[in-house]
């Protein structure tokens, strides 16, 4: 019979870049916002300008208004004041995530 370990486990966080900011990309962003160990650092979508990304994330027609403060500044999407780098690269392998 094994005894439980007294080790405390450190929860590691993971940095994530989202490629594509359509319905699925926005849902991934919303889900990550509820997980403290997931850190979204960038979004890539060559077809959507950052100001429209802000609008679509903030006012989703199916899932409602985003619970975070949403904005943009330059080529960064701002989620609760945290800047996320936005790329418009057709070939995501060219991005230094």
C-alpha atoms as a PDB file:
ATOM      1  CA  UNK A   1       0.000   0.000   0.000  1.00  0.00           C
ATOM      2  CA  UNK A   2       1.486   3.350  -0.983  1.00  0.00           C
ATOM      3  CA  UNK A   3       1.310   6.414   1.175  1.00  0.00           C
ATOM      4  CA  UNK A   4       0.382   9.739  -0.395  1.00  0.00           C
ATOM      5  CA  UNK A   5       3.331  11.967  -1.089  1.00  0.00           C
ATOM      6  CA  UNK A   6       3.832  15.129   0.923  1.00  0.00           C
ATOM      7  CA  UNK A   7       5.308  16.891  -2.088  1.00  0.00           C
ATOM      8  CA  UNK A   8       3.692  20.120  -3.090  1.00  0.00           C
ATOM      9  CA  UNK A   9       3.247  20.421  -6.816  1.00  0.00           C
ATOM     10  CA  UNK A  10       4.018  23.649  -8.591  1.00  0.00           C
ATOM     11  CA  UNK A  11       1.507  24.374 -11.303  1.00  0.00           C
ATOM     12  CA  UNK A  12       3.391  25.472 -14.401  1.00  0.00           C
ATOM     13  CA  UNK A  13       1.911  27.965 -16.791  1.00  0.00           C
ATOM     14  CA  UNK A  14       1.992  27.667 -20.537  1.00  0.00           C
ATOM     15  CA  UNK A  15       2.270  30.479 -23.078  1.00  0.00           C
ATOM     16  CA  UNK A  16      -0.122  30.106 -26.004  1.00  0.00           C
ATOM     17  CA  UNK A  17      -0.393  31.803 -29.382  1.00  0.00           C
ATOM     18  CA  UNK A  18      -3.755  31.573 -31.141  1.00  0.00           C
ATOM     19  CA  UNK A  19      -3.659  31.118 -34.911  1.00  0.00           C
ATOM     20  CA  UNK A  20      -6.979  32.322 -36.308  1.00  0.00           C
ATOM     21  CA  UNK A  21      -9.410  34.557 -34.456  1.00  0.00           C
ATOM     22  CA  UNK A  22     -12.685  33.243 -35.802  1.00  0.00           C
ATOM     23  CA  UNK A  23     -15.277  31.550 -33.593  1.00  0.00           C
ATOM     24  CA  UNK A  24     -12.872  28.863 -32.290  1.00  0.00           C
ATOM     25  CA  UNK A  25      -9.967  31.249 -31.652  1.00  0.00           C
ATOM     26  CA  UNK A  26     -12.223  33.571 -29.663  1.00  0.00           C
ATOM     27  CA  UNK A  27     -13.627  30.650 -27.644  1.00  0.00           C
ATOM     28  CA  UNK A  28     -10.085  29.491 -26.851  1.00  0.00           C
ATOM     29  CA  UNK A  29      -9.320  33.024 -25.641  1.00  0.00           C
ATOM     30  CA  UNK A  30     -12.409  33.057 -23.396  1.00  0.00           C
ATOM     31  CA  UNK A  31     -11.628  29.606 -21.976  1.00  0.00           C
ATOM     32  CA  UNK A  32      -8.003  30.569 -21.295  1.00  0.00           C
ATOM     33  CA  UNK A  33      -9.183  33.623 -19.354  1.00  0.00           C
ATOM     34  CA  UNK A  34     -10.645  31.263 -16.732  1.00  0.00           C
ATOM     35  CA  UNK A  35      -7.438  29.220 -16.422  1.00  0.00           C
ATOM     36  CA  UNK A  36      -4.620  30.949 -14.501  1.00  0.00           C
ATOM     37  CA  UNK A  37      -2.035  28.498 -15.861  1.00  0.00           C
ATOM     38  CA  UNK A  38      -2.730  29.466 -19.508  1.00  0.00           C
ATOM     39  CA  UNK A  39      -1.184  32.691 -20.733  1.00  0.00           C
ATOM     40  CA  UNK A  40      -2.275  33.899 -24.188  1.00  0.00           C
ATOM     41  CA  UNK A  41       0.612  35.932 -25.597  1.00  0.00           C
ATOM     42  CA  UNK A  42      -0.297  36.487 -29.253  1.00  0.00           C
ATOM     43  CA  UNK A  43      -2.980  36.153 -31.912  1.00  0.00           C
ATOM     44  CA  UNK A  44      -2.407  35.629 -35.623  1.00  0.00           C
ATOM     45  CA  UNK A  45      -5.063  36.236 -38.240  1.00  0.00           C
ATOM     46  CA  UNK A  46      -4.158  37.668 -41.643  1.00  0.00           C
ATOM     47  CA  UNK A  47      -7.770  38.514 -42.476  1.00  0.00           C
ATOM     48  CA  UNK A  48      -8.992  40.423 -39.409  1.00  0.00           C
ATOM     49  CA  UNK A  49      -7.672  43.856 -38.381  1.00  0.00           C
ATOM     50  CA  UNK A  50      -7.029  44.396 -34.668  1.00  0.00           C
ATOM     51  CA  UNK A  51      -9.914  46.866 -34.232  1.00  0.00           C
ATOM     52  CA  UNK A  52     -12.372  44.278 -35.569  1.00  0.00           C
ATOM     53  CA  UNK A  53     -10.793  41.570 -33.368  1.00  0.00           C
ATOM     54  CA  UNK A  54     -11.577  43.818 -30.427  1.00  0.00           C
ATOM     55  CA  UNK A  55     -15.187  44.234 -31.519  1.00  0.00           C
ATOM     56  CA  UNK A  56     -15.785  40.529 -32.270  1.00  0.00           C
ATOM     57  CA  UNK A  57     -14.274  39.410 -28.964  1.00  0.00           C
ATOM     58  CA  UNK A  58     -16.096  42.033 -26.945  1.00  0.00           C
ATOM     59  CA  UNK A  59     -19.535  41.466 -28.519  1.00  0.00           C
ATOM     60  CA  UNK A  60     -19.875  37.798 -29.484  1.00  0.00           C
ATOM     61  CA  UNK A  61     -23.299  37.161 -31.051  1.00  0.00           C
ATOM     62  CA  UNK A  62     -23.592  33.660 -29.548  1.00  0.00           C
ATOM     63  CA  UNK A  63     -21.668  33.850 -26.259  1.00  0.00           C
ATOM     64  CA  UNK A  64     -22.493  37.412 -25.307  1.00  0.00           C
ATOM     65  CA  UNK A  65     -20.338  40.221 -24.096  1.00  0.00           C
ATOM     66  CA  UNK A  66     -16.803  39.381 -22.939  1.00  0.00           C
ATOM     67  CA  UNK A  67     -16.374  39.572 -19.168  1.00  0.00           C
ATOM     68  CA  UNK A  68     -12.982  41.288 -19.515  1.00  0.00           C
ATOM     69  CA  UNK A  69     -12.092  44.851 -20.444  1.00  0.00           C
ATOM     70  CA  UNK A  70     -11.286  44.679 -24.158  1.00  0.00           C
ATOM     71  CA  UNK A  71      -9.485  47.247 -26.289  1.00  0.00           C
ATOM     72  CA  UNK A  72      -6.597  47.702 -28.657  1.00  0.00           C
ATOM     73  CA  UNK A  73      -3.558  49.908 -28.932  1.00  0.00           C
ATOM     74  CA  UNK A  74      -1.514  49.919 -32.101  1.00  0.00           C
ATOM     75  CA  UNK A  75      -1.102  46.296 -33.184  1.00  0.00           C
ATOM     76  CA  UNK A  76      -1.878  44.913 -29.723  1.00  0.00           C
ATOM     77  CA  UNK A  77      -5.181  43.539 -28.507  1.00  0.00           C
ATOM     78  CA  UNK A  78      -5.722  44.519 -24.855  1.00  0.00           C
ATOM     79  CA  UNK A  79      -7.484  42.090 -22.530  1.00  0.00           C
ATOM     80  CA  UNK A  80      -7.888  43.514 -19.025  1.00  0.00           C
ATOM     81  CA  UNK A  81      -5.041  45.890 -19.876  1.00  0.00           C
ATOM     82  CA  UNK A  82      -2.673  43.080 -20.880  1.00  0.00           C
ATOM     83  CA  UNK A  83      -1.260  43.568 -24.400  1.00  0.00           C
ATOM     84  CA  UNK A  84      -1.420  40.603 -26.771  1.00  0.00           C
ATOM     85  CA  UNK A  85       0.687  40.928 -29.897  1.00  0.00           C
ATOM     86  CA  UNK A  86      -1.401  40.623 -33.070  1.00  0.00           C
ATOM     87  CA  UNK A  87       0.165  39.244 -36.241  1.00  0.00           C
ATOM     88  CA  UNK A  88      -1.236  39.179 -39.777  1.00  0.00           C
ATOM     89  CA  UNK A  89       0.962  36.422 -41.166  1.00  0.00           C
ATOM     90  CA  UNK A  90      -0.347  34.016 -43.810  1.00  0.00           C
ATOM     91  CA  UNK A  91       2.320  31.457 -42.863  1.00  0.00           C
ATOM     92  CA  UNK A  92       2.314  31.067 -39.059  1.00  0.00           C
ATOM     93  CA  UNK A  93       5.668  29.236 -39.182  1.00  0.00           C
ATOM     94  CA  UNK A  94       7.240  32.639 -39.932  1.00  0.00           C
ATOM     95  CA  UNK A  95       6.137  34.040 -36.556  1.00  0.00           C
ATOM     96  CA  UNK A  96       8.588  34.082 -33.662  1.00  0.00           C
ATOM     97  CA  UNK A  97       5.874  33.202 -31.149  1.00  0.00           C
END
